[in-house]
Amino acid sequence: MRILYILSIGMALSACGQADYSTWNCYADGQSDQKVVMVLQESTMKIGDQKLSYCGSLGLVSYFDRSCKAETKNSMAQLIPSQSLLTIDTKQYRCEKL
């Protein structure tokens, strides 16, 4: 019984150290050969060599930027996960969650 208790605590503690993230392949609209990999981890979006911070959400849209602005809608990246749509600056991507 004691061993079972120690094992369950050990397993619970090891689960706390695991990172929660999701990986997406994103393709520029109309250009299936232009793939970028996006990783969402906690409140950070990593895409290519860029690291963007989560700035907030309005409705279905989540906003990310290098430095969050007072006006969230002016963020450089917008993600609509339910539609698998990513917009960075003016470029749109269709994404698929891996």
C-alpha atoms as a PDB file:
ATOM      1  CA  MET A   1       0.000   0.000   0.000  1.00  0.00           C
ATOM      2  CA  ARG A   2       2.815   2.362   0.898  1.00  0.00           C
ATOM      3  CA  ILE A   3       4.604   1.679  -2.401  1.00  0.00           C
ATOM      4  CA  LEU A   4       1.421   2.379  -4.346  1.00  0.00           C
ATOM      5  CA  TYR A   5       1.039   5.706  -2.540  1.00  0.00           C
ATOM      6  CA  ILE A   6       4.651   6.722  -3.290  1.00  0.00           C
ATOM      7  CA  LEU A   7       4.314   5.699  -6.947  1.00  0.00           C
ATOM      8  CA  SER A   8       1.109   7.693  -7.419  1.00  0.00           C
ATOM      9  CA  ILE A   9       2.706  10.817  -5.921  1.00  0.00           C
ATOM     10  CA  GLY A  10       5.760  10.362  -8.140  1.00  0.00           C
ATOM     11  CA  MET A  11       3.633  10.030 -11.257  1.00  0.00           C
ATOM     12  CA  ALA A  12       1.576  13.096 -10.346  1.00  0.00           C
ATOM     13  CA  LEU A  13       4.701  15.193  -9.807  1.00  0.00           C
ATOM     14  CA  SER A  14       6.291  14.063 -13.073  1.00  0.00           C
ATOM     15  CA  ALA A  15       3.129  15.068 -14.981  1.00  0.00           C
ATOM     16  CA  CYS A  16       3.444  18.621 -13.622  1.00  0.00           C
ATOM     17  CA  GLY A  17       6.759  19.089 -15.403  1.00  0.00           C
ATOM     18  CA  GLN A  18       5.388  18.322 -18.864  1.00  0.00           C
ATOM     19  CA  ALA A  19       4.963  21.208 -21.266  1.00  0.00           C
ATOM     20  CA  ASP A  20       1.539  21.723 -22.820  1.00  0.00           C
ATOM     21  CA  TYR A  21       1.825  22.750 -26.461  1.00  0.00           C
ATOM     22  CA  SER A  22       0.274  22.213 -29.874  1.00  0.00           C
ATOM     23  CA  THR A  23       1.989  22.134 -33.245  1.00  0.00           C
ATOM     24  CA  TRP A  24       0.409  23.290 -36.481  1.00  0.00           C
ATOM     25  CA  ASN A  25       1.506  23.175 -40.129  1.00  0.00           C
ATOM     26  CA  CYS A  26       0.421  26.367 -41.858  1.00  0.00           C
ATOM     27  CA  TYR A  27       0.338  26.997 -45.594  1.00  0.00           C
ATOM     28  CA  ALA A  28       0.136  30.369 -47.311  1.00  0.00           C
ATOM     29  CA  ASP A  29      -3.262  30.743 -49.025  1.00  0.00           C
ATOM     30  CA  GLY A  30      -3.095  29.252 -52.508  1.00  0.00           C
ATOM     31  CA  GLN A  31       0.530  28.095 -52.075  1.00  0.00           C
ATOM     32  CA  SER A  32       0.680  24.579 -50.647  1.00  0.00           C
ATOM     33  CA  ASP A  33       4.468  24.504 -51.106  1.00  0.00           C
ATOM     34  CA  GLN A  34       5.018  27.377 -48.622  1.00  0.00           C
ATOM     35  CA  LYS A  35       4.761  25.688 -45.228  1.00  0.00           C
ATOM     36  CA  VAL A  36       5.559  27.267 -41.870  1.00  0.00           C
ATOM     37  CA  VAL A  37       5.397  25.454 -38.546  1.00  0.00           C
ATOM     38  CA  MET A  38       3.583  27.167 -35.695  1.00  0.00           C
ATOM     39  CA  VAL A  39       3.900  26.052 -32.079  1.00  0.00           C
ATOM     40  CA  LEU A  40       1.515  27.330 -29.423  1.00  0.00           C
ATOM     41  CA  GLN A  41       2.944  26.844 -25.955  1.00  0.00           C
ATOM     42  CA  GLU A  42       1.320  28.419 -22.921  1.00  0.00           C
ATOM     43  CA  SER A  43       0.951  32.105 -23.893  1.00  0.00           C
ATOM     44  CA  THR A  44       3.554  32.080 -26.677  1.00  0.00           C
ATOM     45  CA  MET A  45       3.317  31.517 -30.419  1.00  0.00           C
ATOM     46  CA  LYS A  46       6.508  30.382 -32.108  1.00  0.00           C
ATOM     47  CA  ILE A  47       6.434  30.626 -35.874  1.00  0.00           C
ATOM     48  CA  GLY A  48       9.613  30.384 -37.882  1.00  0.00           C
ATOM     49  CA  ASP A  49      12.229  32.319 -35.955  1.00  0.00           C
ATOM     50  CA  GLN A  50       9.646  34.651 -34.395  1.00  0.00           C
ATOM     51  CA  LYS A  51       8.391  34.400 -30.828  1.00  0.00           C
ATOM     52  CA  LEU A  52       5.109  36.223 -30.227  1.00  0.00           C
ATOM     53  CA  SER A  53       3.263  36.826 -26.963  1.00  0.00           C
ATOM     54  CA  TYR A  54      -0.455  36.318 -26.442  1.00  0.00           C
ATOM     55  CA  CYS A  55      -2.142  39.737 -26.261  1.00  0.00           C
ATOM     56  CA  GLY A  56      -5.770  38.704 -25.727  1.00  0.00           C
ATOM     57  CA  SER A  57      -8.869  37.497 -27.530  1.00  0.00           C
ATOM     58  CA  LEU A  58     -11.918  39.177 -28.969  1.00  0.00           C
ATOM     59  CA  GLY A  59     -14.630  36.717 -29.895  1.00  0.00           C
ATOM     60  CA  LEU A  60     -13.094  33.799 -31.792  1.00  0.00           C
ATOM     61  CA  VAL A  61      -9.871  35.654 -32.622  1.00  0.00           C
ATOM     62  CA  SER A  62      -6.689  35.365 -30.521  1.00  0.00           C
ATOM     63  CA  TYR A  63      -4.067  38.086 -30.969  1.00  0.00           C
ATOM     64  CA  PHE A  64      -0.276  37.756 -30.746  1.00  0.00           C
ATOM     65  CA  ASP A  65       2.568  40.251 -31.089  1.00  0.00           C
ATOM     66  CA  ARG A  66       6.225  40.798 -30.147  1.00  0.00           C
ATOM     67  CA  SER A  67       5.059  43.575 -27.858  1.00  0.00           C
ATOM     68  CA  CYS A  68       1.352  43.846 -27.090  1.00  0.00           C
ATOM     69  CA  LYS A  69      -0.280  47.126 -28.038  1.00  0.00           C
ATOM     70  CA  ALA A  70      -2.973  49.039 -26.201  1.00  0.00           C
ATOM     71  CA  GLU A  71      -5.341  48.273 -29.086  1.00  0.00           C
ATOM     72  CA  THR A  72      -5.350  44.454 -29.241  1.00  0.00           C
ATOM     73  CA  LYS A  73      -6.829  44.414 -32.760  1.00  0.00           C
ATOM     74  CA  ASN A  74      -3.605  46.020 -34.049  1.00  0.00           C
ATOM     75  CA  SER A  75      -1.483  42.978 -33.136  1.00  0.00           C
ATOM     76  CA  MET A  76       0.681  41.553 -35.933  1.00  0.00           C
ATOM     77  CA  ALA A  77      -0.787  38.018 -35.774  1.00  0.00           C
ATOM     78  CA  GLN A  78      -4.391  36.861 -35.506  1.00  0.00           C
ATOM     79  CA  LEU A  79      -5.387  33.238 -35.028  1.00  0.00           C
ATOM     80  CA  ILE A  80      -8.869  31.771 -35.348  1.00  0.00           C
ATOM     81  CA  PRO A  81      -8.334  28.187 -34.133  1.00  0.00           C
ATOM     82  CA  SER A  82     -11.887  27.036 -34.917  1.00  0.00           C
ATOM     83  CA  GLN A  83     -11.357  27.979 -38.592  1.00  0.00           C
ATOM     84  CA  SER A  84      -7.644  27.004 -38.700  1.00  0.00           C
ATOM     85  CA  LEU A  85      -6.897  30.481 -40.028  1.00  0.00           C
ATOM     86  CA  LEU A  86      -3.744  32.461 -39.218  1.00  0.00           C
ATOM     87  CA  THR A  87      -2.995  35.982 -40.416  1.00  0.00           C
ATOM     88  CA  ILE A  88       0.442  37.539 -39.928  1.00  0.00           C
ATOM     89  CA  ASP A  89       0.599  41.149 -41.027  1.00  0.00           C
ATOM     90  CA  THR A  90      -1.336  40.864 -44.306  1.00  0.00           C
ATOM     91  CA  LYS A  91      -0.442  37.263 -45.212  1.00  0.00           C
ATOM     92  CA  GLN A  92      -3.069  34.571 -44.596  1.00  0.00           C
ATOM     93  CA  TYR A  93      -2.366  30.929 -43.812  1.00  0.00           C
ATOM     94  CA  ARG A  94      -4.530  27.821 -43.571  1.00  0.00           C
ATOM     95  CA  CYS A  95      -3.320  25.607 -40.747  1.00  0.00           C
ATOM     96  CA  GLU A  96      -3.729  22.003 -39.699  1.00  0.00           C
ATOM     97  CA  LYS A  97      -3.182  20.913 -36.128  1.00  0.00           C
ATOM     98  CA  LEU A  98      -0.821  17.963 -35.787  1.00  0.00           C
END
